[in-house]
Amino acid sequence: MVEQIRVLPTPVAPEIPLRLVIPAIDLDAPILPAEAEVVAIASKTFQVWRAPDQFGAGWHVTSATLGVIGNTVLNGHHNVHGEVFKRLADLKPGDQVIVESEFASHSYIIVNRMILPEKYAPLEDRIKNAQWILPSEDERLTMITCWPYESNTHRLILVARPEK
């Protein structure tokens, strides 16, 4: 009797985002792991993501990798530390965003652009704003920064879907 050997599929390595290219604003930047810290606000604890203190977008390491279902989240400074997201506010729905991993290039199209009050907003509104960086049941890319350039009172959030 011949014994059959069961062949298992080769696991696919996760595609970690490494480079961000946005042609409409001439952006070509590295993507670095973003650090999170736990802070207490109004007797509750929250996770706060820190953007890299250098020219580069920060990838929320607990968000999705590329090419899979989930929300891949990138943050960045717009008025300090190299201003990687300085021109993010110039983007509009329909603009292309390219994110590269070691293995592939993934193209996205912006489908949603929001400017939401943050700094002086009630805690409930800030928690609602943070929903945009949570896991999702679809493949998407979310980019977030502060706005406007002079005051950082709001959040600029751009959501992009894979380009078909």
Protein backbone atom coordinates (compact mmCIF):
# COMPACT_ATOMS: atom_id res chain seq x y z
CA MET A 1 0.00 0.00 0.00
CA VAL A 2 1.31 3.44 -0.95
CA GLU A 3 1.08 6.03 1.74
CA GLN A 4 -0.22 9.37 0.51
CA ILE A 5 1.50 12.51 1.68
CA ARG A 6 -0.74 15.43 2.32
CA VAL A 7 0.56 18.61 0.69
CA LEU A 8 -0.12 21.79 2.61
CA PRO A 9 -0.18 25.17 0.90
CA THR A 10 2.90 27.31 1.38
CA PRO A 11 2.06 30.09 3.83
CA VAL A 12 2.16 33.57 2.34
CA ALA A 13 4.37 36.07 4.12
CA PRO A 14 2.50 39.17 5.28
CA GLU A 15 3.09 42.18 3.08
CA ILE A 16 4.38 44.88 5.42
CA PRO A 17 3.96 48.38 3.96
CA LEU A 18 7.41 49.92 3.31
CA ARG A 19 6.99 52.79 0.85
CA LEU A 20 4.23 55.31 0.09
CA VAL A 21 3.92 57.01 -3.31
CA ILE A 22 1.21 59.58 -4.06
CA PRO A 23 1.70 61.00 -7.57
CA ALA A 24 -0.85 63.85 -7.23
CA ILE A 25 1.24 65.50 -4.48
CA ASP A 26 4.70 64.26 -5.56
CA LEU A 27 5.11 62.22 -2.37
CA ASP A 28 7.57 59.36 -2.16
CA ALA A 29 8.23 58.39 1.44
CA PRO A 30 9.31 55.47 3.58
CA ILE A 31 6.78 53.78 5.84
CA LEU A 32 7.98 53.05 9.36
CA PRO A 33 6.38 51.12 12.22
CA ALA A 34 4.30 53.50 14.37
CA GLU A 35 4.42 53.28 18.13
CA ALA A 36 1.32 53.30 20.31
CA GLU A 37 1.01 54.28 23.94
CA VAL A 38 -1.80 54.00 26.44
CA VAL A 39 -3.09 57.27 27.88
CA ALA A 40 -5.77 58.06 30.46
CA ILE A 41 -8.48 60.55 29.50
CA ALA A 42 -11.50 61.20 31.71
CA SER A 43 -10.83 58.07 33.80
CA LYS A 44 -10.69 55.85 30.69
CA THR A 45 -7.65 54.43 28.94
CA PHE A 46 -7.07 54.79 25.22
CA GLN A 47 -4.38 53.75 22.79
CA VAL A 48 -2.75 56.74 21.06
CA TRP A 49 -0.61 56.24 17.95
CA ARG A 50 2.50 58.36 17.52
CA ALA A 51 3.62 59.46 14.07
CA PRO A 52 7.34 59.01 13.32
CA ASP A 53 9.51 61.93 14.42
CA GLN A 54 11.20 61.97 11.01
CA PHE A 55 10.21 62.12 7.35
CA GLY A 56 8.13 59.00 6.94
CA ALA A 57 4.59 57.73 7.29
CA GLY A 58 3.82 55.56 10.32
CA TRP A 59 2.12 52.19 9.89
CA HIS A 60 -0.08 51.14 12.79
CA VAL A 61 1.49 47.74 13.33
CA THR A 62 -1.74 46.23 14.64
CA SER A 63 -3.59 47.29 11.49
CA ALA A 64 -3.83 45.13 8.36
CA THR A 65 -0.90 44.24 6.17
CA LEU A 66 -1.24 44.82 2.41
CA GLY A 67 -3.41 42.80 0.06
CA VAL A 68 -5.69 41.30 2.71
CA ILE A 69 -9.09 42.11 4.15
CA GLY A 70 -8.73 44.79 6.81
CA ASN A 71 -7.82 48.42 7.39
CA THR A 72 -4.17 49.35 6.72
CA VAL A 73 -3.62 52.56 8.70
CA LEU A 74 -0.90 55.14 8.04
CA ASN A 75 -0.29 58.32 10.02
CA GLY A 76 2.14 61.17 9.60
CA HIS A 77 3.03 64.68 10.64
CA HIS A 78 2.03 67.54 8.39
CA ASN A 79 3.84 70.48 9.99
CA VAL A 80 6.85 69.05 11.91
CA HIS A 81 9.49 66.31 11.61
CA GLY A 82 9.87 66.42 7.83
CA GLU A 83 6.19 67.19 7.08
CA VAL A 84 5.57 63.90 5.25
CA PHE A 85 1.81 64.59 5.07
CA LYS A 86 2.08 68.36 4.48
CA ARG A 87 0.15 68.15 1.19
CA LEU A 88 -2.25 65.36 2.15
CA ALA A 89 -5.05 67.95 2.40
CA ASP A 90 -4.63 68.63 -1.34
CA LEU A 91 -5.83 65.11 -2.20
CA LYS A 92 -9.38 64.39 -3.32
CA PRO A 93 -11.51 61.36 -4.13
CA GLY A 94 -10.24 59.70 -7.29
CA ASP A 95 -6.54 60.35 -6.57
CA GLN A 96 -4.23 57.33 -6.63
CA VAL A 97 -2.13 56.10 -3.70
CA ILE A 98 0.53 53.40 -4.12
CA VAL A 99 1.85 51.39 -1.20
CA GLU A 100 4.77 49.05 -1.71
CA SER A 101 5.90 46.04 0.27
CA GLU A 102 9.03 43.97 -0.22
CA PHE A 103 7.06 41.73 -2.59
CA ALA A 104 4.53 43.87 -4.47
CA SER A 105 3.01 47.24 -5.22
CA HIS A 106 -0.62 47.93 -4.24
CA SER A 107 -2.62 50.68 -5.87
CA TYR A 108 -5.55 52.38 -4.13
CA ILE A 109 -8.01 55.11 -5.11
CA ILE A 110 -9.19 57.66 -2.55
CA VAL A 111 -12.94 57.33 -2.00
CA ASN A 112 -13.51 59.44 1.12
CA ARG A 113 -11.95 62.66 2.47
CA MET A 114 -12.99 64.00 5.87
CA ILE A 115 -11.90 66.87 8.10
CA LEU A 116 -13.21 66.22 11.62
CA PRO A 117 -12.99 68.44 14.73
CA GLU A 118 -10.58 66.94 17.26
CA LYS A 119 -8.68 69.18 19.67
CA TYR A 120 -11.63 70.94 21.33
CA ALA A 121 -14.23 68.31 20.46
CA PRO A 122 -16.04 66.39 23.20
CA LEU A 123 -14.51 63.02 24.09
CA GLU A 124 -17.47 61.20 22.52
CA ASP A 125 -16.75 62.90 19.16
CA ARG A 126 -13.04 62.06 19.38
CA ILE A 127 -13.90 58.41 20.06
CA LYS A 128 -16.24 58.48 17.04
CA ASN A 129 -13.42 59.95 14.91
CA ALA A 130 -11.13 57.09 15.98
CA GLN A 131 -13.54 54.54 14.48
CA TRP A 132 -11.84 55.23 11.13
CA ILE A 133 -8.62 53.53 12.29
CA LEU A 134 -10.28 50.37 13.60
CA PRO A 135 -10.20 47.02 11.75
CA SER A 136 -12.61 46.71 8.83
CA GLU A 137 -14.33 43.88 6.99
CA ASP A 138 -13.10 45.13 3.62
CA GLU A 139 -9.67 45.87 2.19
CA ARG A 140 -8.87 49.56 2.64
CA LEU A 141 -6.10 52.05 3.30
CA THR A 142 -6.67 54.86 5.79
CA MET A 143 -4.31 57.84 6.09
CA ILE A 144 -4.59 60.26 8.97
CA THR A 145 -2.91 63.52 9.97
CA CYS A 146 -3.66 66.75 11.81
CA TRP A 147 -5.19 69.80 10.12
CA PRO A 148 -4.93 72.78 9.51
CA TYR A 149 -1.24 73.54 9.19
CA GLU A 150 -1.24 76.35 11.78
CA SER A 151 -3.34 74.88 14.57
CA ASN A 152 -3.84 71.08 14.46
CA THR A 153 -7.41 71.39 15.76
CA HIS A 154 -8.86 68.80 13.36
CA ARG A 155 -8.08 65.40 11.86
CA LEU A 156 -7.77 64.91 8.13
CA ILE A 157 -8.75 61.35 7.25
CA LEU A 158 -8.51 59.83 3.77
CA VAL A 159 -9.90 56.37 2.99
CA ALA A 160 -8.83 54.54 -0.16
CA ARG A 161 -9.95 51.27 -1.75
CA PRO A 162 -7.91 48.92 -3.93
CA GLU A 163 -7.79 50.03 -7.54
CA LYS A 164 -9.52 47.51 -9.76
